Amino acid sequence: MTTGTRVSNVVPQEAYREFKQLGVRLDSQCAEWLAKLATSITADDVLAWYRELYWYNLRFGEIAAVPGILDYAIVQEDDINYDLAAEFGVLLTAVVAAYSYIYTTIPRDPNGFVLTHTLSVDGDLVPAVYTAAIPEVAAIGPYLSAIAAALV
């Protein structure tokens, strides 16, 4: 019997490992963000979360498209019924819903420019501060919870 890694398995192996690592990182970020929502967040936080979630969507989509990853996951999990494609679907749906909500909720002027900062007299951009008392801010929580649930 041959031991070691087959060359044909290297690409799905690395992609699957990255998927797991990113999943752990995103789960941790969601917990951190949920805790922060309980106090107050700034417009910079919200914009950073949007960018992060958008990036995760792109990267998870790329990983899901790696040839052989679905079969590799079945072997790694030692479960013939393991459906990584379904996991990707649930996770990507939750991530897209979260960043889409943030995108559509960010205040804008009639021309589409975001209204998230003020300009101080000394020229600093000062981000708006939001609290959980604002319904649109509180509503981010369930989206982040859905992502965390998809990562279990």
N, C-alpha and C. Protein backbone atom coordinates (compact mmCIF):
# COMPACT_ATOMS: atom_id res chain seq x y z
N MET A 1 0.84 -1.17 0.00
CA MET A 1 0.00 0.00 0.00
C MET A 1 0.89 1.24 0.00
N THR A 2 0.53 2.22 -0.80
CA THR A 2 1.29 3.46 -0.91
C THR A 2 0.84 4.42 0.19
N THR A 3 1.81 5.11 0.79
CA THR A 3 1.47 6.12 1.78
C THR A 3 1.88 7.48 1.24
N GLY A 4 1.41 8.51 1.87
CA GLY A 4 1.75 9.86 1.42
C GLY A 4 0.60 10.48 0.66
N THR A 5 0.88 11.59 0.05
CA THR A 5 -0.14 12.34 -0.68
C THR A 5 0.06 12.15 -2.17
N ARG A 6 -1.00 11.80 -2.84
CA ARG A 6 -0.93 11.72 -4.29
C ARG A 6 -0.89 13.13 -4.84
N VAL A 7 -0.15 13.30 -5.90
CA VAL A 7 -0.03 14.63 -6.51
C VAL A 7 -1.41 15.16 -6.91
N SER A 8 -2.27 14.28 -7.41
CA SER A 8 -3.59 14.71 -7.85
C SER A 8 -4.46 15.20 -6.70
N ASN A 9 -4.08 14.85 -5.47
CA ASN A 9 -4.85 15.28 -4.31
C ASN A 9 -4.37 16.59 -3.71
N VAL A 10 -3.23 17.08 -4.14
CA VAL A 10 -2.64 18.25 -3.51
C VAL A 10 -3.54 19.48 -3.63
N VAL A 11 -4.06 19.74 -4.80
CA VAL A 11 -4.89 20.94 -4.99
C VAL A 11 -6.16 20.87 -4.15
N PRO A 12 -6.95 19.78 -4.22
CA PRO A 12 -8.14 19.75 -3.36
C PRO A 12 -7.78 19.69 -1.87
N GLN A 13 -6.65 19.07 -1.54
CA GLN A 13 -6.21 19.01 -0.15
C GLN A 13 -5.94 20.41 0.38
N GLU A 14 -5.19 21.20 -0.37
CA GLU A 14 -4.88 22.56 0.05
C GLU A 14 -6.14 23.43 0.10
N ALA A 15 -7.02 23.26 -0.87
CA ALA A 15 -8.26 24.04 -0.89
C ALA A 15 -9.15 23.68 0.30
N TYR A 16 -9.24 22.39 0.61
CA TYR A 16 -10.07 21.97 1.73
C TYR A 16 -9.50 22.47 3.05
N ARG A 17 -8.18 22.42 3.18
CA ARG A 17 -7.54 22.93 4.39
C ARG A 17 -7.80 24.44 4.52
N GLU A 18 -7.70 25.16 3.40
CA GLU A 18 -7.96 26.61 3.44
C GLU A 18 -9.42 26.87 3.82
N PHE A 19 -10.34 26.09 3.27
CA PHE A 19 -11.75 26.24 3.60
C PHE A 19 -11.96 26.09 5.11
N LYS A 20 -11.35 25.08 5.69
CA LYS A 20 -11.48 24.85 7.14
C LYS A 20 -10.87 26.01 7.93
N GLN A 21 -9.69 26.45 7.53
CA GLN A 21 -9.01 27.55 8.23
C GLN A 21 -9.81 28.84 8.14
N LEU A 22 -10.31 29.14 6.94
CA LEU A 22 -11.11 30.36 6.78
C LEU A 22 -12.42 30.26 7.56
N GLY A 23 -12.98 29.06 7.61
CA GLY A 23 -14.20 28.87 8.37
C GLY A 23 -14.01 29.16 9.85
N VAL A 24 -12.90 28.69 10.40
CA VAL A 24 -12.58 28.96 11.81
C VAL A 24 -12.39 30.46 12.02
N ARG A 25 -11.67 31.08 11.10
CA ARG A 25 -11.42 32.52 11.22
C ARG A 25 -12.72 33.33 11.12
N LEU A 26 -13.57 32.98 10.17
CA LEU A 26 -14.83 33.70 10.01
C LEU A 26 -15.73 33.49 11.21
N ASP A 27 -15.77 32.29 11.74
CA ASP A 27 -16.58 32.01 12.92
C ASP A 27 -16.12 32.89 14.09
N SER A 28 -14.82 33.00 14.26
CA SER A 28 -14.26 33.84 15.32
C SER A 28 -14.60 35.31 15.08
N GLN A 29 -14.50 35.74 13.84
CA GLN A 29 -14.83 37.13 13.51
C GLN A 29 -16.30 37.42 13.78
N CYS A 30 -17.17 36.49 13.43
CA CYS A 30 -18.60 36.70 13.67
C CYS A 30 -18.88 36.84 15.17
N ALA A 31 -18.23 36.01 15.99
CA ALA A 31 -18.41 36.11 17.44
C ALA A 31 -17.92 37.47 17.94
N GLU A 32 -16.78 37.90 17.42
CA GLU A 32 -16.24 39.21 17.81
C GLU A 32 -17.17 40.33 17.38
N TRP A 33 -17.68 40.26 16.16
CA TRP A 33 -18.57 41.29 15.65
C TRP A 33 -19.88 41.33 16.43
N LEU A 34 -20.42 40.14 16.75
CA LEU A 34 -21.66 40.08 17.53
C LEU A 34 -21.47 40.72 18.91
N ALA A 35 -20.34 40.47 19.53
CA ALA A 35 -20.05 41.09 20.83
C ALA A 35 -19.96 42.61 20.69
N LYS A 36 -19.34 43.05 19.63
CA LYS A 36 -19.19 44.48 19.41
C LYS A 36 -20.55 45.14 19.14
N LEU A 37 -21.44 44.43 18.47
CA LEU A 37 -22.78 44.96 18.20
C LEU A 37 -23.54 45.27 19.49
N ALA A 38 -23.23 44.55 20.55
CA ALA A 38 -23.93 44.74 21.82
C ALA A 38 -23.56 46.08 22.46
N THR A 39 -22.48 46.67 22.03
CA THR A 39 -22.08 47.97 22.59
C THR A 39 -22.32 49.04 21.54
N SER A 40 -21.29 49.40 20.83
CA SER A 40 -21.46 50.37 19.73
C SER A 40 -20.41 50.05 18.67
N ILE A 41 -20.74 50.42 17.47
CA ILE A 41 -19.84 50.22 16.34
C ILE A 41 -19.75 51.53 15.56
N THR A 42 -18.70 51.64 14.79
CA THR A 42 -18.55 52.83 13.96
C THR A 42 -18.85 52.48 12.51
N ALA A 43 -18.99 53.51 11.72
CA ALA A 43 -19.17 53.30 10.29
C ALA A 43 -17.98 52.56 9.71
N ASP A 44 -16.78 52.82 10.24
CA ASP A 44 -15.59 52.11 9.78
C ASP A 44 -15.71 50.62 10.03
N ASP A 45 -16.27 50.24 11.19
CA ASP A 45 -16.49 48.82 11.49
C ASP A 45 -17.41 48.20 10.44
N VAL A 46 -18.53 48.86 10.21
CA VAL A 46 -19.54 48.33 9.29
C VAL A 46 -18.95 48.18 7.88
N LEU A 47 -18.22 49.19 7.43
CA LEU A 47 -17.62 49.11 6.10
C LEU A 47 -16.56 48.01 6.03
N ALA A 48 -15.80 47.83 7.10
CA ALA A 48 -14.80 46.76 7.14
C ALA A 48 -15.48 45.40 7.12
N TRP A 49 -16.56 45.25 7.86
CA TRP A 49 -17.28 43.97 7.86
C TRP A 49 -17.81 43.67 6.47
N TYR A 50 -18.36 44.68 5.82
CA TYR A 50 -18.85 44.49 4.46
C TYR A 50 -17.73 43.98 3.55
N ARG A 51 -16.59 44.66 3.59
CA ARG A 51 -15.47 44.26 2.73
C ARG A 51 -14.99 42.85 3.05
N GLU A 52 -14.92 42.52 4.34
CA GLU A 52 -14.49 41.17 4.75
C GLU A 52 -15.46 40.11 4.24
N LEU A 53 -16.74 40.35 4.47
CA LEU A 53 -17.75 39.36 4.04
C LEU A 53 -17.77 39.21 2.52
N TYR A 54 -17.61 40.30 1.82
CA TYR A 54 -17.57 40.23 0.36
C TYR A 54 -16.37 39.39 -0.08
N TRP A 55 -15.22 39.60 0.57
CA TRP A 55 -14.02 38.83 0.24
C TRP A 55 -14.23 37.35 0.54
N TYR A 56 -14.83 37.02 1.69
CA TYR A 56 -15.09 35.62 2.03
C TYR A 56 -15.98 34.98 0.97
N ASN A 57 -16.98 35.69 0.51
CA ASN A 57 -17.86 35.15 -0.53
C ASN A 57 -17.06 34.80 -1.77
N LEU A 58 -16.20 35.72 -2.20
CA LEU A 58 -15.38 35.45 -3.39
C LEU A 58 -14.46 34.26 -3.17
N ARG A 59 -13.79 34.23 -2.02
CA ARG A 59 -12.81 33.17 -1.77
C ARG A 59 -13.48 31.82 -1.60
N PHE A 60 -14.57 31.75 -0.85
CA PHE A 60 -15.27 30.48 -0.69
C PHE A 60 -15.81 29.99 -2.04
N GLY A 61 -16.26 30.91 -2.87
CA GLY A 61 -16.72 30.53 -4.21
C GLY A 61 -15.60 29.93 -5.04
N GLU A 62 -14.41 30.51 -4.94
CA GLU A 62 -13.25 29.96 -5.66
C GLU A 62 -12.89 28.57 -5.14
N ILE A 63 -12.91 28.42 -3.82
CA ILE A 63 -12.58 27.12 -3.23
C ILE A 63 -13.60 26.07 -3.64
N ALA A 64 -14.87 26.43 -3.63
CA ALA A 64 -15.93 25.49 -4.00
C ALA A 64 -15.77 24.98 -5.43
N ALA A 65 -15.13 25.78 -6.28
CA ALA A 65 -14.96 25.41 -7.69
C ALA A 65 -13.71 24.55 -7.94
N VAL A 66 -12.93 24.26 -6.91
CA VAL A 66 -11.71 23.47 -7.10
C VAL A 66 -12.09 22.04 -7.48
N PRO A 67 -11.61 21.57 -8.61
CA PRO A 67 -11.92 20.20 -9.03
C PRO A 67 -11.46 19.18 -7.98
N GLY A 68 -12.34 18.26 -7.64
CA GLY A 68 -11.99 17.18 -6.73
C GLY A 68 -12.20 17.48 -5.26
N ILE A 69 -12.54 18.71 -4.91
CA ILE A 69 -12.66 19.04 -3.48
C ILE A 69 -13.82 18.30 -2.81
N LEU A 70 -14.91 18.10 -3.52
CA LEU A 70 -16.05 17.42 -2.92
C LEU A 70 -15.72 15.97 -2.56
N ASP A 71 -15.07 15.27 -3.48
CA ASP A 71 -14.66 13.89 -3.21
C ASP A 71 -13.59 13.84 -2.14
N TYR A 72 -12.67 14.79 -2.17
CA TYR A 72 -11.61 14.83 -1.16
C TYR A 72 -12.22 15.02 0.23
N ALA A 73 -13.22 15.87 0.35
CA ALA A 73 -13.86 16.13 1.64
C ALA A 73 -14.52 14.87 2.18
N ILE A 74 -15.15 14.10 1.32
CA ILE A 74 -15.80 12.85 1.75
C ILE A 74 -14.77 11.91 2.37
N VAL A 75 -13.63 11.79 1.72
CA VAL A 75 -12.56 10.92 2.23
C VAL A 75 -12.02 11.46 3.55
N GLN A 76 -11.78 12.75 3.62
CA GLN A 76 -11.22 13.34 4.83
C GLN A 76 -12.16 13.23 6.02
N GLU A 77 -13.43 13.39 5.78
CA GLU A 77 -14.41 13.32 6.87
C GLU A 77 -14.85 11.89 7.14
N ASP A 78 -14.39 10.94 6.28
CA ASP A 78 -14.73 9.53 6.41
C ASP A 78 -16.25 9.34 6.51
N ASP A 79 -16.95 10.04 5.60
CA ASP A 79 -18.41 10.03 5.62
C ASP A 79 -18.90 10.10 4.18
N ILE A 80 -19.40 8.99 3.70
CA ILE A 80 -19.87 8.89 2.31
C ILE A 80 -21.02 9.86 2.04
N ASN A 81 -21.73 10.27 3.10
CA ASN A 81 -22.88 11.18 2.94
C ASN A 81 -22.51 12.65 3.14
N TYR A 82 -21.24 12.91 3.39
CA TYR A 82 -20.83 14.29 3.62
C TYR A 82 -21.04 15.09 2.34
N ASP A 83 -21.78 16.18 2.45
CA ASP A 83 -22.13 16.97 1.28
C ASP A 83 -21.53 18.37 1.40
N LEU A 84 -20.29 18.50 0.99
CA LEU A 84 -19.61 19.79 1.07
C LEU A 84 -20.29 20.83 0.18
N ALA A 85 -20.83 20.39 -0.94
CA ALA A 85 -21.53 21.34 -1.83
C ALA A 85 -22.70 21.98 -1.11
N ALA A 86 -23.44 21.19 -0.34
CA ALA A 86 -24.56 21.75 0.43
C ALA A 86 -24.05 22.71 1.49
N GLU A 87 -22.93 22.36 2.15
CA GLU A 87 -22.34 23.26 3.14
C GLU A 87 -21.94 24.58 2.51
N PHE A 88 -21.29 24.49 1.35
CA PHE A 88 -20.91 25.71 0.64
C PHE A 88 -22.14 26.54 0.33
N GLY A 89 -23.20 25.88 -0.12
CA GLY A 89 -24.43 26.59 -0.47
C GLY A 89 -25.02 27.35 0.70
N VAL A 90 -25.12 26.70 1.84
CA VAL A 90 -25.67 27.34 3.04
C VAL A 90 -24.78 28.49 3.49
N LEU A 91 -23.48 28.24 3.51
CA LEU A 91 -22.54 29.26 3.96
C LEU A 91 -22.54 30.47 3.03
N LEU A 92 -22.46 30.23 1.73
CA LEU A 92 -22.44 31.35 0.78
C LEU A 92 -23.74 32.14 0.82
N THR A 93 -24.85 31.45 1.00
CA THR A 93 -26.14 32.14 1.11
C THR A 93 -26.15 33.07 2.32
N ALA A 94 -25.62 32.58 3.45
CA ALA A 94 -25.58 33.39 4.67
C ALA A 94 -24.64 34.58 4.52
N VAL A 95 -23.49 34.35 3.91
CA VAL A 95 -22.51 35.43 3.74
C VAL A 95 -23.06 36.50 2.80
N VAL A 96 -23.65 36.07 1.68
CA VAL A 96 -24.21 37.03 0.72
C VAL A 96 -25.36 37.82 1.36
N ALA A 97 -26.19 37.15 2.12
CA ALA A 97 -27.30 37.86 2.79
C ALA A 97 -26.76 38.93 3.74
N ALA A 98 -25.69 38.60 4.48
CA ALA A 98 -25.12 39.55 5.44
C ALA A 98 -24.52 40.76 4.75
N TYR A 99 -23.66 40.52 3.77
CA TYR A 99 -23.03 41.69 3.15
C TYR A 99 -24.03 42.47 2.30
N SER A 100 -25.02 41.81 1.74
CA SER A 100 -26.05 42.52 0.97
C SER A 100 -26.88 43.42 1.89
N TYR A 101 -27.20 42.91 3.08
CA TYR A 101 -27.95 43.72 4.03
C TYR A 101 -27.14 44.96 4.41
N ILE A 102 -25.88 44.76 4.74
CA ILE A 102 -25.03 45.90 5.10
C ILE A 102 -24.96 46.90 3.95
N TYR A 103 -24.76 46.40 2.74
CA TYR A 103 -24.64 47.28 1.57
C TYR A 103 -25.89 48.13 1.39
N THR A 104 -27.05 47.50 1.51
CA THR A 104 -28.29 48.24 1.25
C THR A 104 -28.69 49.13 2.42
N THR A 105 -28.12 48.90 3.60
CA THR A 105 -28.50 49.66 4.79
C THR A 105 -27.61 50.87 5.04
N ILE A 106 -26.43 50.90 4.47
CA ILE A 106 -25.53 52.03 4.67
C ILE A 106 -26.21 53.30 4.16
N PRO A 107 -26.30 54.32 5.01
CA PRO A 107 -26.97 55.55 4.59
C PRO A 107 -26.27 56.19 3.38
N ARG A 108 -27.10 56.67 2.43
CA ARG A 108 -26.57 57.31 1.22
C ARG A 108 -27.37 58.58 0.93
N ASP A 109 -26.71 59.47 0.21
CA ASP A 109 -27.44 60.65 -0.26
C ASP A 109 -28.15 60.27 -1.56
N PRO A 110 -28.94 61.18 -2.13
CA PRO A 110 -29.67 60.86 -3.36
C PRO A 110 -28.78 60.44 -4.53
N ASN A 111 -27.50 60.81 -4.50
CA ASN A 111 -26.59 60.45 -5.58
C ASN A 111 -25.84 59.14 -5.32
N GLY A 112 -26.12 58.49 -4.18
CA GLY A 112 -25.49 57.23 -3.88
C GLY A 112 -24.22 57.31 -3.05
N PHE A 113 -23.80 58.52 -2.71
CA PHE A 113 -22.60 58.66 -1.87
C PHE A 113 -22.94 58.27 -0.44
N VAL A 114 -22.06 57.48 0.18
CA VAL A 114 -22.33 57.02 1.55
C VAL A 114 -22.20 58.18 2.53
N LEU A 115 -23.07 58.15 3.53
CA LEU A 115 -23.10 59.19 4.56
C LEU A 115 -22.64 58.56 5.88
N THR A 116 -21.36 58.30 5.97
CA THR A 116 -20.85 57.56 7.12
C THR A 116 -19.85 58.34 7.97
N HIS A 117 -19.39 59.48 7.49
CA HIS A 117 -18.36 60.23 8.20
C HIS A 117 -18.68 61.73 8.19
N THR A 118 -18.12 62.40 9.19
CA THR A 118 -18.14 63.86 9.19
C THR A 118 -16.69 64.32 9.09
N LEU A 119 -16.53 65.55 8.76
CA LEU A 119 -15.19 66.13 8.64
C LEU A 119 -14.99 67.09 9.81
N SER A 120 -13.96 66.82 10.61
CA SER A 120 -13.68 67.70 11.76
C SER A 120 -13.00 68.97 11.25
N VAL A 121 -12.94 69.98 12.10
CA VAL A 121 -12.33 71.25 11.69
C VAL A 121 -10.84 71.09 11.37
N ASP A 122 -10.20 70.08 11.95
CA ASP A 122 -8.78 69.88 11.65
C ASP A 122 -8.57 68.91 10.48
N GLY A 123 -9.64 68.54 9.80
CA GLY A 123 -9.53 67.76 8.58
C GLY A 123 -9.61 66.25 8.74
N ASP A 124 -9.90 65.77 9.95
CA ASP A 124 -10.03 64.33 10.16
C ASP A 124 -11.42 63.85 9.76
N LEU A 125 -11.47 62.67 9.16
CA LEU A 125 -12.76 62.03 8.92
C LEU A 125 -13.16 61.31 10.20
N VAL A 126 -14.33 61.61 10.70
CA VAL A 126 -14.82 61.02 11.93
C VAL A 126 -15.99 60.10 11.59
N PRO A 127 -15.83 58.79 11.86
CA PRO A 127 -16.91 57.87 11.49
C PRO A 127 -18.13 58.03 12.39
N ALA A 128 -19.28 57.80 11.81
CA ALA A 128 -20.51 57.78 12.59
C ALA A 128 -20.43 56.64 13.58
N VAL A 129 -21.09 56.80 14.72
CA VAL A 129 -21.15 55.75 15.74
C VAL A 129 -22.58 55.25 15.79
N TYR A 130 -22.72 53.93 15.75
CA TYR A 130 -24.04 53.31 15.77
C TYR A 130 -24.15 52.44 17.02
N THR A 131 -25.35 52.36 17.58
CA THR A 131 -25.59 51.49 18.73
C THR A 131 -26.63 50.44 18.36
N ALA A 132 -26.73 49.42 19.19
CA ALA A 132 -27.71 48.36 18.96
C ALA A 132 -29.13 48.86 19.09
N ALA A 133 -29.31 50.06 19.65
CA ALA A 133 -30.65 50.64 19.76
C ALA A 133 -31.20 51.02 18.38
N ILE A 134 -30.32 51.17 17.42
CA ILE A 134 -30.76 51.49 16.06
C ILE A 134 -31.19 50.18 15.39
N PRO A 135 -32.46 50.07 14.99
CA PRO A 135 -32.96 48.79 14.46
C PRO A 135 -32.12 48.23 13.30
N GLU A 136 -31.66 49.08 12.41
CA GLU A 136 -30.87 48.60 11.27
C GLU A 136 -29.54 48.00 11.72
N VAL A 137 -29.00 48.52 12.81
CA VAL A 137 -27.75 47.98 13.34
C VAL A 137 -28.02 46.65 14.05
N ALA A 138 -29.05 46.62 14.88
CA ALA A 138 -29.40 45.39 15.59
C ALA A 138 -29.70 44.26 14.61
N ALA A 139 -30.25 44.61 13.46
CA ALA A 139 -30.62 43.59 12.46
C ALA A 139 -29.41 42.91 11.83
N ILE A 140 -28.22 43.46 11.99
CA ILE A 140 -27.03 42.80 11.46
C ILE A 140 -26.76 41.50 12.23
N GLY A 141 -27.09 41.49 13.52
CA GLY A 141 -26.82 40.34 14.38
C GLY A 141 -27.32 39.01 13.84
N PRO A 142 -28.60 38.90 13.47
CA PRO A 142 -29.08 37.62 12.95
C PRO A 142 -28.35 37.15 11.69
N TYR A 143 -27.90 38.08 10.88
CA TYR A 143 -27.14 37.70 9.69
C TYR A 143 -25.80 37.08 10.09
N LEU A 144 -25.14 37.69 11.08
CA LEU A 144 -23.86 37.15 11.56
C LEU A 144 -24.08 35.81 12.26
N SER A 145 -25.16 35.68 12.98
CA SER A 145 -25.49 34.41 13.64
C SER A 145 -25.75 33.31 12.62
N ALA A 146 -26.38 33.67 11.51
CA ALA A 146 -26.64 32.67 10.45
C ALA A 146 -25.33 32.17 9.85
N ILE A 147 -24.37 33.08 9.69
CA ILE A 147 -23.06 32.65 9.18
C ILE A 147 -22.42 31.70 10.17
N ALA A 148 -22.42 32.06 11.45
CA ALA A 148 -21.81 31.21 12.48
C ALA A 148 -22.49 29.84 12.51
N ALA A 149 -23.82 29.81 12.37
CA ALA A 149 -24.55 28.55 12.36
C ALA A 149 -24.16 27.69 11.16
N ALA A 150 -23.88 28.34 10.04
CA ALA A 150 -23.49 27.60 8.83
C ALA A 150 -22.09 27.01 8.96
N LEU A 151 -21.32 27.51 9.90
CA LEU A 151 -19.95 27.04 10.07
C LEU A 151 -19.81 25.94 11.11
N VAL A 152 -20.89 25.56 11.75
CA VAL A 152 -20.81 24.52 12.79
C VAL A 152 -20.56 23.17 12.17
